[in-house]
Amino acid sequence: MHHMLPAIASVVIVASPLAAQGQSAYPNKPIRMIVPFAPGGGSDIVARALGQKLAEVYREPVVIDNRGGGTIIGPTDAVAKAAPDGYTLLMATSGHVINPSFFAKLPFDTVKDFAPVTQVTSQAYILGVYPGVPAKSVKELIALAKARPGQLNYASGGNGNATHLGAELLKDLAGIDIVHVPYKGGGPALIALISGEVAMLFSNISFTLPQIKAGKVRALAVSGGKRSPVAPELPTIAEAGVPGFELTSWYGVLAPAKTPKAIIASLHDEIVKALNAPDVKARLANDGNEAVGSTPEAFAAYVASEIPKWARVIKRSGARME
């Protein structure tokens, strides 16, 4: 569960007076990091953790600019249209690569209008089943679904949610017919699984582990590209018999396109250092996140590969955003 922070629209993280003296050409004024959500959520927690470290190193304030209350499109567009000088950044989420498939016209190009800095975090999900379901592995679950087409149902945190699209990706890659039951959030979806209203669910790892330990959910696998450090005994879904399956939610830092490469390199290096700091690692782990710190090139390639992947899933499933 996310720790709630004071609900203030804009927080200035001020440089430490103990920071080393001397001033580089960049930055020489405050940096603004736009977070397209209200204070207190996961992206906000990550932005504040990084902002504090950047302020200490750069000796300039980092303004965390929360813009919640609507879709992520407006705040993302504000960064796309900002001056490419390194003073306006976006804390992007995995919704960035899904939105092009849900919205016919976006006011920006998801790839061309941004300069990727780094993928900051990755968070996998657990594929869990109700303990009464006679499947103790992913292969057994797929066999059961094939034996009972249209009879197994799965919960999600809402239409167009990652937990919905992940199940549709599994449906597509495994060639099974399972029925979607959307709920208003991950909490109600998990309660539906525990009570046996639904057979299966993709759910947040940190949120679900206590229920697994209590025997209320049977975990079959994790959804990421590698095993999770908090549940290393669980195979990935790809390992468990569905090659090519990968579902994660993530946060990453984007700058406007044409931001100078030297500035991108500086931001990348300092963010990676921050991600390796023990206090930041602990803060991320507490929220179920793993630090990534990929190169700008690797993050750009990842974003470019995720857009067509989810476009196929959304087109085949007919999924709609709530």
Protein backbone atom coordinates (compact mmCIF):
# COMPACT_ATOMS: atom_id res chain seq x y z
CA MET A 1 0.00 0.00 0.00
CA HIS A 2 1.27 3.50 -0.77
CA HIS A 3 2.17 5.75 2.15
CA MET A 4 0.06 8.88 1.89
CA LEU A 5 1.93 12.17 1.82
CA PRO A 6 0.57 15.64 2.56
CA ALA A 7 -1.74 16.64 -0.29
CA ILE A 8 0.03 19.69 -1.65
CA ALA A 9 0.09 20.39 -5.35
CA SER A 10 3.71 21.41 -5.65
CA VAL A 11 6.66 20.58 -3.43
CA VAL A 12 10.06 22.24 -3.67
CA ILE A 13 12.91 19.95 -2.70
CA VAL A 14 15.66 22.35 -1.68
CA ALA A 15 19.36 21.67 -2.12
CA SER A 16 21.29 20.58 0.94
CA PRO A 17 23.46 23.38 2.41
CA LEU A 18 26.12 20.72 2.90
CA ALA A 19 26.38 20.08 -0.84
CA ALA A 20 29.82 20.53 -2.35
CA GLN A 21 30.65 24.01 -3.56
CA GLY A 22 31.11 24.95 -7.19
CA GLN A 23 28.52 25.29 -9.96
CA SER A 24 28.37 23.58 -13.34
CA ALA A 25 26.71 25.13 -16.39
CA TYR A 26 23.71 22.82 -15.87
CA PRO A 27 21.67 23.32 -13.87
CA ASN A 28 21.74 26.98 -12.82
CA LYS A 29 18.06 27.32 -11.90
CA PRO A 30 15.32 25.05 -10.42
CA ILE A 31 14.38 21.84 -12.25
CA ARG A 32 10.68 20.98 -12.53
CA MET A 33 9.62 17.32 -12.52
CA ILE A 34 5.99 16.93 -13.60
CA VAL A 35 4.16 13.98 -12.02
CA PRO A 36 0.82 13.33 -13.78
CA PHE A 37 -0.85 12.17 -10.55
CA ALA A 38 -1.92 13.60 -7.20
CA PRO A 39 0.50 13.55 -4.25
CA GLY A 40 0.88 10.31 -2.31
CA GLY A 41 0.82 7.73 -5.11
CA GLY A 42 3.64 5.52 -6.34
CA SER A 43 4.99 7.85 -9.04
CA ASP A 44 4.96 10.76 -6.57
CA ILE A 45 6.91 8.77 -3.95
CA VAL A 46 9.56 7.84 -6.54
CA ALA A 47 9.77 11.42 -7.90
CA ARG A 48 10.32 12.85 -4.41
CA ALA A 49 13.01 10.31 -3.60
CA LEU A 50 14.90 11.14 -6.81
CA GLY A 51 14.23 14.88 -6.51
CA GLN A 52 15.86 15.01 -3.10
CA LYS A 53 19.04 13.33 -4.39
CA LEU A 54 19.20 15.51 -7.53
CA ALA A 55 18.79 18.67 -5.43
CA GLU A 56 21.66 17.63 -3.18
CA VAL A 57 24.00 16.94 -6.11
CA TYR A 58 23.00 19.80 -8.40
CA ARG A 59 22.65 22.39 -5.61
CA GLU A 60 19.46 23.67 -7.22
CA PRO A 61 15.86 23.09 -6.08
CA VAL A 62 13.86 20.31 -7.73
CA VAL A 63 10.16 21.20 -7.92
CA ILE A 64 7.80 18.21 -7.83
CA ASP A 65 4.80 19.43 -9.83
CA ASN A 66 1.79 17.16 -9.19
CA ARG A 67 -0.88 17.35 -11.88
CA GLY A 68 -3.52 14.81 -10.93
CA GLY A 69 -7.25 14.81 -11.40
CA GLY A 70 -7.43 13.90 -15.08
CA THR A 71 -5.66 11.67 -17.58
CA ILE A 72 -1.88 11.65 -17.95
CA ILE A 73 -2.22 13.20 -21.43
CA GLY A 74 -2.26 16.90 -20.38
CA PRO A 75 0.79 16.73 -18.09
CA THR A 76 2.66 14.62 -20.67
CA ASP A 77 1.86 17.18 -23.39
CA ALA A 78 3.18 19.98 -21.15
CA VAL A 79 6.59 18.25 -21.11
CA ALA A 80 6.49 17.48 -24.86
CA LYS A 81 6.00 21.20 -25.55
CA ALA A 82 8.45 22.52 -22.92
CA ALA A 83 11.82 24.02 -23.85
CA PRO A 84 14.36 21.22 -24.43
CA ASP A 85 16.81 22.58 -21.86
CA GLY A 86 16.68 19.97 -19.06
CA TYR A 87 14.58 22.12 -16.72
CA THR A 88 11.26 20.32 -17.36
CA LEU A 89 11.10 16.55 -16.86
CA LEU A 90 8.29 13.98 -16.79
CA MET A 91 7.90 11.10 -14.35
CA ALA A 92 6.32 8.79 -16.94
CA THR A 93 4.46 5.57 -16.16
CA SER A 94 3.66 2.46 -18.19
CA GLY A 95 0.45 4.20 -19.27
CA HIS A 96 2.67 6.18 -21.63
CA VAL A 97 3.04 3.17 -23.96
CA ILE A 98 -0.60 2.05 -23.66
CA ASN A 99 -2.35 5.37 -24.34
CA PRO A 100 -1.52 5.48 -28.09
CA SER A 101 -3.79 2.42 -28.50
CA PHE A 102 -6.66 3.86 -26.44
CA PHE A 103 -6.75 7.38 -27.83
CA ALA A 104 -7.08 7.93 -31.57
CA LYS A 105 -5.43 11.35 -31.44
CA LEU A 106 -2.82 12.41 -28.90
CA PRO A 107 -1.46 15.98 -28.94
CA PHE A 108 2.10 14.59 -29.00
CA ASP A 109 4.07 11.72 -30.52
CA THR A 110 4.80 9.20 -27.75
CA VAL A 111 8.26 8.41 -29.17
CA LYS A 112 9.42 11.37 -31.28
CA ASP A 113 8.51 14.17 -28.86
CA PHE A 114 10.56 12.86 -25.92
CA ALA A 115 14.18 12.20 -25.02
CA PRO A 116 14.32 9.17 -22.68
CA VAL A 117 16.62 9.60 -19.66
CA THR A 118 16.22 6.27 -17.86
CA GLN A 119 13.71 3.66 -16.80
CA VAL A 120 13.66 4.21 -13.05
CA THR A 121 11.70 1.23 -11.72
CA SER A 122 9.94 -1.97 -12.67
CA GLN A 123 7.20 -3.76 -10.79
CA ALA A 124 5.93 -7.21 -11.73
CA TYR A 125 2.63 -8.76 -10.74
CA ILE A 126 1.79 -12.12 -9.22
CA LEU A 127 -0.51 -14.45 -11.16
CA GLY A 128 -2.63 -15.90 -8.37
CA VAL A 129 -5.59 -18.27 -8.31
CA TYR A 130 -8.31 -18.97 -5.79
CA PRO A 131 -7.12 -21.97 -3.69
CA GLY A 132 -10.17 -23.98 -4.79
CA VAL A 133 -9.06 -23.84 -8.45
CA PRO A 134 -7.51 -27.23 -9.37
CA ALA A 135 -4.31 -25.78 -10.88
CA LYS A 136 -0.96 -25.66 -9.12
CA SER A 137 1.10 -24.33 -12.06
CA VAL A 138 0.69 -22.09 -15.09
CA LYS A 139 0.62 -25.15 -17.38
CA GLU A 140 -2.16 -26.72 -15.29
CA LEU A 141 -4.11 -23.44 -15.34
CA ILE A 142 -3.83 -23.24 -19.15
CA ALA A 143 -4.91 -26.89 -19.48
CA LEU A 144 -7.89 -26.23 -17.21
CA ALA A 145 -8.89 -23.14 -19.22
CA LYS A 146 -8.65 -25.14 -22.47
CA ALA A 147 -10.81 -27.90 -20.99
CA ARG A 148 -13.41 -25.36 -19.87
CA PRO A 149 -13.49 -22.60 -22.52
CA GLY A 150 -15.38 -19.50 -21.37
CA GLN A 151 -15.90 -20.90 -17.86
CA LEU A 152 -12.88 -19.51 -15.98
CA ASN A 153 -13.08 -15.83 -15.06
CA TYR A 154 -10.44 -13.36 -13.97
CA ALA A 155 -10.61 -10.13 -11.99
CA SER A 156 -8.88 -6.86 -12.85
CA GLY A 157 -8.53 -3.46 -11.23
CA GLY A 158 -10.64 -1.94 -14.04
CA ASN A 159 -11.05 -1.82 -17.82
CA GLY A 160 -7.80 -0.88 -19.55
CA ASN A 161 -5.85 -1.41 -16.32
CA ALA A 162 -2.50 -3.28 -16.50
CA THR A 163 -4.08 -6.24 -14.65
CA HIS A 164 -6.74 -6.42 -17.37
CA LEU A 165 -4.29 -6.15 -20.27
CA GLY A 166 -1.91 -8.68 -18.67
CA ALA A 167 -4.64 -11.32 -18.56
CA GLU A 168 -5.55 -10.51 -22.16
CA LEU A 169 -1.89 -10.96 -23.14
CA LEU A 170 -1.90 -14.38 -21.41
CA LYS A 171 -5.17 -15.25 -23.16
CA ASP A 172 -3.64 -14.31 -26.50
CA LEU A 173 -0.27 -16.06 -26.10
CA ALA A 174 -1.67 -19.22 -24.46
CA GLY A 175 -4.71 -19.49 -26.75
CA ILE A 176 -7.27 -19.69 -23.93
CA ASP A 177 -10.80 -18.32 -23.50
CA ILE A 178 -11.20 -16.67 -20.07
CA VAL A 179 -13.80 -14.09 -19.01
CA HIS A 180 -13.00 -10.60 -17.69
CA VAL A 181 -14.67 -9.28 -14.53
CA PRO A 182 -13.56 -5.67 -13.86
CA TYR A 183 -13.55 -4.17 -10.36
CA LYS A 184 -12.97 -0.62 -9.15
CA GLY A 185 -9.32 -1.00 -8.15
CA GLY A 186 -6.81 -3.65 -7.17
CA GLY A 187 -8.14 -3.97 -3.60
CA PRO A 188 -11.70 -5.00 -4.56
CA ALA A 189 -10.27 -7.34 -7.26
CA LEU A 190 -8.09 -9.12 -4.69
CA ILE A 191 -11.06 -9.45 -2.30
CA ALA A 192 -13.04 -11.03 -5.15
CA LEU A 193 -10.26 -13.58 -5.67
CA ILE A 194 -9.99 -14.40 -1.94
CA SER A 195 -13.76 -14.90 -1.71
CA GLY A 196 -13.83 -17.17 -4.78
CA GLU A 197 -15.92 -14.84 -6.94
CA VAL A 198 -13.21 -15.17 -9.60
CA ALA A 199 -10.70 -17.88 -10.46
CA MET A 200 -7.57 -15.82 -11.16
CA LEU A 201 -5.96 -12.40 -10.98
CA PHE A 202 -2.80 -10.46 -11.75
CA SER A 203 -2.10 -8.53 -8.56
CA ASN A 204 0.54 -6.24 -7.03
CA ILE A 205 3.26 -8.40 -5.40
CA SER A 206 3.72 -6.48 -2.14
CA PHE A 207 -0.06 -6.16 -1.75
CA THR A 208 -0.69 -9.88 -2.38
CA LEU A 209 2.17 -11.61 -0.50
CA PRO A 210 0.40 -11.48 2.92
CA GLN A 211 -2.65 -13.20 1.38
CA ILE A 212 -0.43 -15.87 -0.20
CA LYS A 213 1.30 -16.50 3.14
CA ALA A 214 -2.12 -16.78 4.81
CA GLY A 215 -3.17 -19.43 2.26
CA LYS A 216 -5.94 -17.26 0.83
CA VAL A 217 -4.31 -17.02 -2.63
CA ARG A 218 -2.25 -19.63 -4.49
CA ALA A 219 0.60 -17.95 -6.38
CA LEU A 220 1.57 -19.59 -9.67
CA ALA A 221 4.12 -17.21 -11.19
CA VAL A 222 5.39 -13.65 -11.52
CA SER A 223 4.68 -11.58 -14.60
CA GLY A 224 8.05 -9.89 -15.16
CA GLY A 225 10.99 -10.78 -17.37
CA LYS A 226 12.93 -12.19 -14.40
CA ARG A 227 12.14 -13.66 -11.01
CA SER A 228 11.24 -11.28 -8.19
CA PRO A 229 13.67 -10.84 -5.28
CA VAL A 230 10.71 -10.83 -2.86
CA ALA A 231 9.33 -14.15 -4.19
CA PRO A 232 12.34 -15.90 -5.81
CA GLU A 233 10.69 -19.32 -5.58
CA LEU A 234 8.06 -18.32 -8.15
CA PRO A 235 8.92 -18.83 -11.84
CA THR A 236 8.20 -16.16 -14.43
CA ILE A 237 5.21 -16.89 -16.65
CA ALA A 238 7.61 -17.19 -19.61
CA GLU A 239 9.63 -19.82 -17.67
CA ALA A 240 6.43 -21.59 -16.68
CA GLY A 241 5.40 -22.31 -20.26
CA VAL A 242 4.30 -19.09 -22.00
CA PRO A 243 7.34 -17.82 -23.97
CA GLY A 244 7.36 -14.10 -24.66
CA PHE A 245 5.07 -13.17 -21.78
CA GLU A 246 6.10 -10.09 -19.83
CA LEU A 247 3.95 -7.65 -17.88
CA THR A 248 5.36 -4.94 -15.63
CA SER A 249 4.33 -1.51 -14.49
CA TRP A 250 7.17 1.00 -14.51
CA TYR A 251 8.24 4.57 -13.90
CA GLY A 252 10.76 6.41 -16.05
CA VAL A 253 12.11 9.91 -16.62
CA LEU A 254 11.54 11.63 -19.97
CA ALA A 255 12.71 15.03 -21.17
CA PRO A 256 11.49 16.97 -24.21
CA ALA A 257 12.95 15.85 -27.55
CA LYS A 258 16.12 17.69 -28.61
CA THR A 259 17.32 18.14 -25.03
CA PRO A 260 21.14 18.23 -25.34
CA LYS A 261 22.80 14.83 -24.97
CA ALA A 262 25.19 16.14 -22.33
CA ILE A 263 22.24 17.12 -20.12
CA ILE A 264 20.52 13.76 -20.68
CA ALA A 265 23.80 12.00 -19.77
CA SER A 266 24.18 14.07 -16.59
CA LEU A 267 20.60 13.42 -15.48
CA HIS A 268 20.96 9.71 -16.26
CA ASP A 269 24.17 9.36 -14.26
CA GLU A 270 22.83 11.19 -11.21
CA ILE A 271 19.50 9.30 -11.23
CA VAL A 272 21.34 5.96 -11.44
CA LYS A 273 23.53 7.00 -8.47
CA ALA A 274 20.38 7.94 -6.56
CA LEU A 275 18.77 4.57 -7.36
CA ASN A 276 21.82 2.83 -5.88
CA ALA A 277 21.58 4.78 -2.60
CA PRO A 278 20.46 2.44 0.24
CA ASP A 279 17.70 4.80 1.46
CA VAL A 280 16.19 5.11 -2.03
CA LYS A 281 16.41 1.34 -2.64
CA ALA A 282 14.61 0.71 0.67
CA ARG A 283 11.93 3.28 -0.17
CA LEU A 284 11.31 1.69 -3.57
CA ALA A 285 11.27 -1.87 -2.19
CA ASN A 286 8.73 -0.84 0.44
CA ASP A 287 6.38 0.02 -2.42
CA GLY A 288 7.13 -3.19 -4.37
CA ASN A 289 9.43 -1.54 -6.92
CA GLU A 290 12.81 -2.70 -8.23
CA ALA A 291 15.34 -0.07 -9.33
CA VAL A 292 16.32 -0.28 -13.04
CA GLY A 293 18.51 2.66 -14.14
CA SER A 294 18.74 1.70 -17.83
CA THR A 295 20.67 3.73 -20.40
CA PRO A 296 18.75 6.34 -22.43
CA GLU A 297 19.15 4.10 -25.50
CA ALA A 298 17.84 0.99 -23.70
CA PHE A 299 14.86 2.92 -22.32
CA ALA A 300 14.08 4.32 -25.78
CA ALA A 301 14.17 0.81 -27.27
CA TYR A 302 11.94 -0.52 -24.48
CA VAL A 303 9.32 2.21 -24.99
CA ALA A 304 9.35 1.64 -28.76
CA SER A 305 8.85 -2.14 -28.33
CA GLU A 306 6.04 -1.86 -25.76
CA ILE A 307 3.76 0.32 -27.92
CA PRO A 308 3.06 -2.28 -30.69
CA LYS A 309 2.93 -5.11 -28.14
CA TRP A 310 0.03 -3.54 -26.23
CA ALA A 311 -1.57 -2.26 -29.45
CA ARG A 312 -1.96 -5.91 -30.58
CA VAL A 313 -3.44 -6.97 -27.23
CA ILE A 314 -5.87 -4.04 -27.12
CA LYS A 315 -6.99 -4.54 -30.72
CA ARG A 316 -7.53 -8.30 -30.34
CA SER A 317 -9.29 -8.02 -26.98
CA GLY A 318 -11.38 -4.95 -27.79
CA ALA A 319 -10.32 -3.50 -24.42
CA ARG A 320 -11.54 -0.01 -23.60
CA MET A 321 -10.15 2.51 -21.13
CA GLU A 322 -12.50 3.36 -18.24
